[in-house]
Protein backbone atom coordinates (compact mmCIF):
# COMPACT_ATOMS: atom_id res chain seq x y z
CA MET A 1 103.00 208.57 110.65
CA ARG A 2 99.64 208.00 112.32
CA PRO A 3 96.07 207.52 111.22
CA LYS A 4 93.78 210.55 111.01
CA ALA A 5 91.11 208.52 112.83
CA VAL A 6 90.60 205.01 114.18
CA ILE A 7 87.01 203.73 114.10
CA ILE A 8 85.82 201.34 116.82
CA GLY A 9 82.43 199.92 117.76
CA PRO A 10 80.39 196.74 117.97
CA PRO A 11 79.20 194.68 115.01
CA GLY A 12 76.53 196.62 113.13
CA SER A 13 77.75 200.05 114.25
CA GLY A 14 78.90 200.90 110.72
CA LYS A 15 82.68 200.86 111.12
CA SER A 16 83.40 199.91 107.50
CA THR A 17 80.66 202.09 106.00
CA ILE A 18 81.36 205.16 108.15
CA GLY A 19 85.11 204.58 107.97
CA GLY A 20 85.02 204.52 104.17
CA ALA A 21 82.83 207.61 103.94
CA LEU A 22 84.99 209.47 106.49
CA ALA A 23 88.15 208.54 104.58
CA GLU A 24 86.58 209.85 101.38
CA ARG A 25 85.50 213.08 103.15
CA LEU A 26 89.06 213.58 104.47
CA GLY A 27 90.66 212.67 101.13
CA VAL A 28 92.55 209.67 102.51
CA ALA A 29 92.39 205.87 102.23
CA LEU A 30 90.50 203.48 104.49
CA ARG A 31 92.28 200.49 105.99
CA ASP A 32 90.00 197.82 107.45
CA THR A 33 91.86 195.47 109.79
CA ASP A 34 89.30 192.68 109.22
CA ALA A 35 90.24 192.76 105.51
CA ASP A 36 93.93 192.68 106.51
CA VAL A 37 93.30 189.58 108.65
CA GLU A 38 91.47 187.83 105.81
CA SER A 39 94.29 188.71 103.42
CA ALA A 40 96.97 187.42 105.81
CA ALA A 41 95.08 184.18 106.45
CA GLY A 42 93.97 183.72 102.86
CA LYS A 43 90.39 183.01 103.95
CA PRO A 44 87.31 184.70 105.40
CA ILE A 45 87.10 185.41 109.14
CA GLY A 46 84.37 182.81 109.61
CA GLU A 47 86.67 180.13 108.21
CA ILE A 48 89.55 181.27 110.43
CA PHE A 49 87.30 180.76 113.48
CA ILE A 50 86.22 177.30 112.27
CA ASP A 51 89.60 176.05 110.99
CA ASP A 52 92.03 177.72 113.39
CA GLY A 53 89.97 178.95 116.36
CA GLU A 54 89.26 182.33 117.90
CA GLU A 55 92.68 182.50 119.57
CA ARG A 56 94.45 182.33 116.19
CA PHE A 57 92.06 184.92 114.78
CA ARG A 58 92.84 187.27 117.69
CA GLU A 59 96.60 186.82 117.08
CA LEU A 60 96.16 187.78 113.43
CA GLU A 61 93.92 190.67 114.47
CA ARG A 62 96.46 192.08 116.96
CA ALA A 63 99.17 191.96 114.28
CA ALA A 64 96.87 193.65 111.75
CA VAL A 65 95.96 196.45 114.17
CA ASP A 66 99.60 196.98 115.16
CA ALA A 67 100.65 197.26 111.51
CA ALA A 68 97.74 199.53 110.53
CA LEU A 69 98.37 201.95 113.40
CA ALA A 70 102.09 202.08 112.57
CA GLU A 71 101.82 202.31 108.76
CA HIS A 72 98.56 203.95 107.74
CA GLU A 73 97.95 207.69 107.56
CA GLY A 74 94.28 207.55 106.58
CA VAL A 75 91.30 206.12 108.46
CA VAL A 76 91.58 202.74 110.17
CA ALA A 77 88.48 200.63 110.93
CA LEU A 78 89.06 198.01 113.61
CA GLY A 79 87.14 194.76 113.97
CA GLY A 80 84.56 194.90 116.75
CA GLY A 81 86.55 192.73 119.15
CA ALA A 82 90.00 194.18 118.45
CA ILE A 83 89.69 196.44 121.50
CA LEU A 84 89.60 193.39 123.81
CA ALA A 85 93.39 193.00 123.56
CA GLU A 86 95.19 195.08 126.20
CA GLU A 87 98.09 195.73 123.82
CA THR A 88 95.64 197.17 121.28
CA GLN A 89 94.10 199.36 123.99
CA ASP A 90 97.60 200.63 124.82
CA LEU A 91 98.40 201.25 121.14
CA LEU A 92 95.26 203.39 120.75
CA ALA A 93 96.43 205.89 123.38
CA GLY A 94 97.10 209.25 121.74
CA HIS A 95 95.08 208.46 118.61
CA THR A 96 91.81 210.05 117.51
CA VAL A 97 89.52 207.11 118.32
CA VAL A 98 85.95 207.41 117.06
CA TYR A 99 83.51 205.16 118.92
CA LEU A 100 80.39 204.44 116.86
CA LYS A 101 77.56 203.79 119.32
CA VAL A 102 74.68 201.53 118.33
CA GLY A 103 71.78 200.12 120.34
CA LEU A 104 71.05 196.41 120.54
CA SER A 105 67.95 196.44 118.34
CA GLU A 106 69.62 198.60 115.67
CA ALA A 107 72.75 196.41 115.69
CA ILE A 108 70.64 193.26 115.31
CA LYS A 109 68.72 194.84 112.45
CA ARG A 110 71.94 195.83 110.65
CA VAL A 111 73.80 192.57 111.25
CA GLY A 112 70.78 190.33 110.71
CA LEU A 113 69.80 187.33 112.75
CA ALA A 114 71.05 184.93 110.07
CA SER A 115 74.51 186.42 110.41
CA ALA A 116 77.69 184.81 109.13
CA ARG A 117 79.54 186.46 112.02
CA PRO A 118 81.23 183.70 114.03
CA LEU A 119 80.51 185.10 117.50
CA LEU A 120 76.80 185.52 116.76
CA VAL A 121 76.02 182.06 115.38
CA LEU A 122 74.06 180.28 118.13
CA ASN A 123 71.65 182.85 119.56
CA PRO A 124 72.37 186.13 117.77
CA ARG A 125 70.23 188.41 119.96
CA SER A 126 71.55 186.95 123.22
CA GLN A 127 75.13 186.86 121.94
CA MET A 128 74.93 190.45 120.72
CA ARG A 129 73.57 191.61 124.09
CA LYS A 130 76.38 189.78 125.91
CA LEU A 131 78.98 191.14 123.50
CA LEU A 132 77.72 194.72 123.94
CA GLU A 133 77.68 194.42 127.74
CA GLU A 134 81.24 193.07 127.76
CA ARG A 135 82.71 195.59 125.33
CA LEU A 136 80.73 198.77 126.04
CA PRO A 137 82.94 200.01 128.91
CA ILE A 138 86.06 199.48 126.78
CA TYR A 139 84.60 201.31 123.75
CA GLU A 140 83.53 204.20 125.98
CA ARG A 141 86.93 204.44 127.67
CA LEU A 142 88.91 204.31 124.41
CA GLY A 143 86.74 206.63 122.33
CA THR A 144 88.05 210.19 122.20
CA LEU A 145 84.92 210.97 120.20
CA SER A 146 81.61 209.09 120.56
CA VAL A 147 78.92 209.31 117.92
CA ASP A 148 75.46 207.74 118.05
CA THR A 149 74.59 205.95 114.80
CA ASP A 150 71.06 204.73 115.65
CA GLY A 151 68.54 205.78 113.02
CA ARG A 152 71.03 208.08 111.31
CA ASP A 153 72.23 208.31 107.75
CA PRO A 154 75.98 207.54 107.33
CA ALA A 155 76.56 210.96 105.72
CA GLU A 156 75.11 212.67 108.80
CA VAL A 157 77.39 210.64 111.10
CA VAL A 158 80.45 211.39 108.95
CA GLU A 159 79.64 215.12 108.99
CA GLU A 160 79.45 215.09 112.80
CA ILE A 161 82.80 213.28 113.05
CA ALA A 162 84.52 215.57 110.52
CA LYS A 163 83.30 218.71 112.33
CA ALA A 164 84.43 217.35 115.69
CA MET A 165 87.84 216.50 114.26
CA GLU A 166 88.19 219.98 112.73
CA GLY A 167 87.26 221.52 116.08
CA ALA A 168 89.87 219.40 117.88
CA ALA A 169 92.65 220.25 115.40
């Protein structure tokens, strides 16, 4: 049992939106590991960061990703920072990993400067730039398929992914 596709990318790249639309297109379910983390903790991600710290959040995230990759046959959307864990990087080997690319200005526009995202609280633009610089090489290395999402309709992105997956099958 393995997912049909695993969606990765920075905040604002459209992982949940594109993941859900891709799952629908493929006739399977979407599993969002951020939702799994919130369910396991019994509270929103922002509260986990505040109450328990980022380290605890990352522990919950690694467990959620491990379970999703082992149990889910549909589409899995990972949280933006899930790829930072080496064990998660190792687990993604052999999977169809779709990297959703997004530019800084587009990501900021989608996420919003008054974001409730814990890692973007102080200076969202600066934090997003730093986050992208740190994670970009990892996203690029892990993605077996990279799709640009800037200025594109989700349906258009999903169509490109579906065609690429059909061509690889």
